[in-house]
Amino acid sequence: MTTPPPSRAAERRRSTGKAHTDRRTPRSAHRPVAERRAAVEALLAEGLSDREIARRTGVSPSTVSAVRKG
């Protein structure tokens, strides 16, 4: 019996070395809101841009802007 060819996902994992992640759930959704807000506020205090803070924390730039205004 022959083995079936690898799936596209398996080929992608092998080529990138990373496992597939579900893109429908942002990684920041797994942390409590207060924890995300504290992380954003700490980076705001360092003077980083909204875009850079969003990239580092996994939230959207508009969320960072809302925290800045709030």
Protein backbone atom coordinates (compact mmCIF):
# COMPACT_ATOMS: atom_id res chain seq x y z
CA MET A 1 0.00 0.00 0.00
CA THR A 2 1.34 3.42 -0.89
CA THR A 3 1.19 6.44 1.36
CA PRO A 4 -0.86 9.42 0.20
CA PRO A 5 0.99 12.61 -0.77
CA PRO A 6 1.35 15.21 2.00
CA SER A 7 -1.36 17.81 2.29
CA ARG A 8 -0.70 21.47 1.47
CA ALA A 9 -0.79 22.32 5.17
CA ALA A 10 1.82 19.67 5.90
CA GLU A 11 4.02 20.98 3.08
CA ARG A 12 3.62 24.54 4.40
CA ARG A 13 4.58 23.50 7.95
CA ARG A 14 7.59 21.66 6.64
CA SER A 15 8.72 24.60 4.48
CA THR A 16 8.23 27.30 7.13
CA GLY A 17 8.88 25.26 10.24
CA LYS A 18 5.72 26.69 11.80
CA ALA A 19 2.47 25.00 12.65
CA HIS A 20 -0.75 26.30 11.13
CA THR A 21 -2.59 28.79 13.28
CA ASP A 22 -6.28 29.59 13.11
CA ARG A 23 -6.39 33.09 11.65
CA ARG A 24 -9.98 33.66 12.78
CA THR A 25 -8.98 34.06 16.43
CA PRO A 26 -6.43 36.79 17.15
CA ARG A 27 -3.67 35.70 19.50
CA SER A 28 -4.55 38.59 21.82
CA ALA A 29 -8.06 37.17 22.37
CA HIS A 30 -6.62 34.56 24.71
CA ARG A 31 -5.47 37.16 27.26
CA PRO A 32 -7.77 39.10 29.60
CA VAL A 33 -8.71 42.62 28.51
CA ALA A 34 -7.05 44.20 31.55
CA GLU A 35 -3.79 42.43 30.73
CA ARG A 36 -3.86 43.60 27.09
CA ARG A 37 -4.67 47.16 28.18
CA ALA A 38 -1.79 47.16 30.68
CA ALA A 39 0.60 45.94 27.96
CA VAL A 40 -0.56 48.69 25.59
CA GLU A 41 -0.26 51.36 28.30
CA ALA A 42 3.28 50.23 29.17
CA LEU A 43 4.36 50.51 25.54
CA LEU A 44 2.62 53.88 25.19
CA ALA A 45 4.72 55.09 28.11
CA GLU A 46 7.83 54.07 26.14
CA GLY A 47 6.74 56.37 23.32
CA LEU A 48 6.18 53.74 20.64
CA SER A 49 3.84 54.36 17.71
CA ASP A 50 0.33 52.91 17.66
CA ARG A 51 1.30 50.64 14.77
CA GLU A 52 4.37 49.26 16.57
CA ILE A 53 2.42 48.71 19.80
CA ALA A 54 -0.32 46.92 17.86
CA ARG A 55 2.25 44.65 16.21
CA ARG A 56 3.93 43.79 19.52
CA THR A 57 0.74 43.17 21.49
CA GLY A 58 -1.40 41.54 18.79
CA VAL A 59 -4.22 44.10 18.92
CA SER A 60 -5.36 46.45 16.17
CA PRO A 61 -3.97 49.97 15.83
CA SER A 62 -7.47 51.33 16.47
CA THR A 63 -7.50 49.51 19.82
CA VAL A 64 -4.19 51.15 20.73
CA SER A 65 -5.64 54.52 19.72
CA ALA A 66 -8.69 53.92 21.91
CA VAL A 67 -6.48 53.09 24.89
CA ARG A 68 -4.44 56.24 24.22
CA LYS A 69 -7.59 58.38 24.20
CA GLY A 70 -9.25 56.58 27.10
